Amino acid sequence: MSALADAMDDHHKLLLSMKHYLGDEVVKEINFYGTEIDPNVMSNEYGQFKLTVDGIEMDNLNDSTYWRLNKLRRLFSYDTFSQGIQQLEPGKAMCKLGGPASGITLEARYLTYQNHKIVHDEMRPVYDRALNCLFQRRYQPVDENAREVARGALETLRTLGELSIED
């Protein structure tokens, strides 16, 4: 789904992606795109950002929502701020809940800088949140502030996804 949306418009690059899992299946995907991958570069270009929910573009968002997401991603999308991404040790599910595991994973365009220039970028899982006890968390930024900001980005995307249902 995200590859199709990315192929629709080569001008925009995927910056953030929130995927809601039910078992091994992605049941909801919210993608935030921008024309510039470097979060340190700010411009007021019309159409610089866009957001899709399950491949459908949300066109009723104001610029402040886009700027908030872009500002948040800056604080966990590269090692200077995140101090890297921890891969958590799997735990044991300690509940007797029936049904599949349910959780959310946040992916970001993660950047590697060298001499103040981006030398590598890739979409990388940076944070996840369990929605029931069967979902085993796997990722989080090392830095505590980056964890909080990643959670803020995830909750913003989650809220936008819920708003799209009402449209």
Protein backbone atom coordinates (compact mmCIF):
# COMPACT_ATOMS: atom_id res chain seq x y z
CA MET A 1 0.00 0.00 0.00
CA SER A 2 2.73 2.50 0.97
CA ALA A 3 4.81 1.62 -2.11
CA LEU A 4 1.81 2.41 -4.30
CA ALA A 5 1.25 5.77 -2.60
CA ASP A 6 4.97 6.57 -2.88
CA ALA A 7 4.95 5.69 -6.58
CA MET A 8 1.98 8.01 -7.20
CA ASP A 9 4.09 11.11 -6.64
CA ASP A 10 7.87 10.96 -6.94
CA HIS A 11 8.07 14.56 -5.74
CA HIS A 12 7.10 13.57 -2.19
CA LYS A 13 9.17 11.22 -0.05
CA LEU A 14 7.78 9.14 2.79
CA LEU A 15 8.88 10.71 6.11
CA LEU A 16 6.74 8.97 8.75
CA SER A 17 4.54 5.90 8.64
CA MET A 18 2.26 4.56 11.34
CA LYS A 19 1.07 0.99 10.86
CA HIS A 20 -1.64 -0.57 13.00
CA TYR A 21 -1.19 -4.34 13.19
CA LEU A 22 -3.72 -6.98 14.02
CA GLY A 23 -1.70 -10.17 14.18
CA ASP A 24 0.74 -10.00 11.27
CA GLU A 25 -1.61 -7.93 9.10
CA VAL A 26 -1.49 -4.15 8.65
CA VAL A 27 -5.09 -3.00 9.11
CA LYS A 28 -4.48 0.76 8.99
CA GLU A 29 -1.61 2.79 7.57
CA ILE A 30 -1.07 6.52 7.91
CA ASN A 31 1.77 8.08 5.91
CA PHE A 32 3.27 11.56 6.15
CA TYR A 33 5.16 12.77 3.07
CA GLY A 34 7.34 15.78 2.37
CA THR A 35 9.28 17.23 -0.52
CA GLU A 36 12.45 17.55 1.61
CA ILE A 37 13.83 14.68 3.70
CA ASP A 38 16.20 16.86 5.76
CA PRO A 39 14.25 17.99 8.86
CA ASN A 40 16.70 20.89 9.27
CA VAL A 41 15.52 22.49 6.02
CA MET A 42 12.38 24.57 6.45
CA SER A 43 10.48 26.28 3.67
CA ASN A 44 6.94 27.49 3.10
CA GLU A 45 6.49 25.75 -0.22
CA TYR A 46 2.82 25.14 -1.04
CA GLY A 47 2.15 21.41 -1.18
CA GLN A 48 5.37 20.60 0.67
CA PHE A 49 3.62 18.02 2.85
CA LYS A 50 0.78 15.56 2.46
CA LEU A 51 -0.80 12.88 4.61
CA THR A 52 -2.56 9.72 3.50
CA VAL A 53 -4.75 7.32 5.46
CA ASP A 54 -4.89 3.88 3.85
CA GLY A 55 -3.69 5.42 0.59
CA ILE A 56 -6.29 8.22 0.50
CA GLU A 57 -4.93 11.76 0.82
CA MET A 58 -6.38 13.93 3.57
CA ASP A 59 -6.84 17.35 2.05
CA ASN A 60 -8.43 19.22 4.95
CA LEU A 61 -5.34 19.57 7.17
CA ASN A 62 -3.84 22.94 8.03
CA ASP A 63 -0.15 23.75 7.75
CA SER A 64 0.36 23.79 11.52
CA THR A 65 -0.41 20.04 11.67
CA TYR A 66 2.17 19.33 8.97
CA TRP A 67 4.76 21.57 10.66
CA ARG A 68 4.13 19.83 14.00
CA LEU A 69 4.77 16.40 12.50
CA ASN A 70 7.89 17.62 10.70
CA LYS A 71 9.22 19.26 13.87
CA LEU A 72 8.53 16.14 15.94
CA ARG A 73 10.28 13.83 13.49
CA ARG A 74 13.40 15.98 13.71
CA LEU A 75 13.81 14.96 17.34
CA PHE A 76 14.04 11.21 16.73
CA SER A 77 14.90 10.71 13.06
CA TYR A 78 18.67 10.64 13.38
CA ASP A 79 21.29 9.61 15.93
CA THR A 80 22.17 13.11 17.14
CA PHE A 81 18.77 13.39 18.83
CA SER A 82 17.66 9.77 19.25
CA GLN A 83 21.04 8.35 20.30
CA GLY A 84 20.08 5.39 18.10
CA ILE A 85 17.20 2.94 18.15
CA GLN A 86 17.07 0.15 20.71
CA GLN A 87 15.76 -3.21 19.68
CA LEU A 88 14.01 -4.46 22.80
CA GLU A 89 14.28 -8.01 24.09
CA PRO A 90 11.07 -9.93 23.48
CA GLY A 91 9.05 -10.56 26.61
CA LYS A 92 6.48 -13.19 27.40
CA ALA A 93 2.80 -12.46 27.02
CA MET A 94 1.39 -12.79 30.52
CA CYS A 95 -2.30 -12.61 29.68
CA LYS A 96 -5.03 -14.99 28.66
CA LEU A 97 -6.48 -12.74 26.00
CA GLY A 98 -7.97 -14.44 22.99
CA GLY A 99 -7.49 -13.17 19.47
CA PRO A 100 -4.54 -11.69 17.63
CA ALA A 101 -1.89 -9.31 18.93
CA SER A 102 -2.73 -5.64 18.34
CA GLY A 103 -0.21 -2.82 18.21
CA ILE A 104 1.15 0.18 16.36
CA THR A 105 4.60 0.70 14.84
CA LEU A 106 6.02 4.11 13.93
CA GLU A 107 8.57 4.20 11.13
CA ALA A 108 10.62 7.26 10.19
CA ARG A 109 12.96 8.23 7.41
CA TYR A 110 16.08 7.75 9.51
CA LEU A 111 19.08 9.82 8.45
CA THR A 112 22.83 9.37 8.76
CA TYR A 113 24.81 12.60 8.68
CA GLN A 114 28.49 13.09 7.95
CA ASN A 115 30.07 16.56 7.93
CA HIS A 116 26.58 18.11 8.27
CA LYS A 117 25.33 16.38 5.11
CA ILE A 118 22.97 13.45 4.75
CA VAL A 119 24.96 10.47 3.49
CA HIS A 120 22.28 7.79 3.96
CA ASP A 121 18.55 7.61 4.58
CA GLU A 122 16.14 4.73 5.01
CA MET A 123 12.72 4.03 6.46
CA ARG A 124 13.31 2.43 9.85
CA PRO A 125 11.03 1.35 12.71
CA VAL A 126 11.74 3.71 15.61
CA TYR A 127 8.96 3.15 18.14
CA ASP A 128 6.06 0.83 18.76
CA ARG A 129 3.18 0.64 21.16
CA ALA A 130 1.20 -2.37 22.30
CA LEU A 131 -2.58 -2.11 22.16
CA ASN A 132 -3.02 -5.43 23.94
CA CYS A 133 -0.75 -7.66 26.01
CA LEU A 134 -0.09 -10.05 23.12
CA PHE A 135 1.73 -7.42 21.06
CA GLN A 136 5.40 -7.50 21.98
CA ARG A 137 7.14 -4.12 21.76
CA ARG A 138 10.39 -4.19 19.78
CA TYR A 139 11.66 -0.65 19.13
CA GLN A 140 12.32 2.61 20.93
CA PRO A 141 14.83 5.46 20.69
CA VAL A 142 17.64 5.25 23.25
CA ASP A 143 17.14 8.86 24.38
CA GLU A 144 14.22 9.45 26.77
CA ASN A 145 13.25 12.78 25.14
CA ALA A 146 13.26 11.15 21.70
CA ARG A 147 10.95 8.41 23.05
CA GLU A 148 8.48 11.03 24.28
CA VAL A 149 8.57 12.90 20.99
CA ALA A 150 8.14 9.67 18.99
CA ARG A 151 5.10 8.90 21.15
CA GLY A 152 3.76 12.40 20.39
CA ALA A 153 4.18 11.84 16.65
CA LEU A 154 2.53 8.43 16.89
CA GLU A 155 -0.44 9.83 18.82
CA THR A 156 -0.80 12.74 16.37
CA LEU A 157 -0.88 10.32 13.44
CA ARG A 158 -3.28 8.05 15.30
CA THR A 159 -5.65 10.95 15.98
CA LEU A 160 -5.52 12.04 12.34
CA GLY A 161 -6.33 8.47 11.31
CA GLU A 162 -9.36 8.47 13.59
CA LEU A 163 -10.49 11.84 12.22
CA SER A 164 -10.35 10.48 8.67
CA ILE A 165 -13.00 7.90 9.60
CA GLU A 166 -15.42 10.71 10.45
CA ASP A 167 -14.92 12.53 7.12
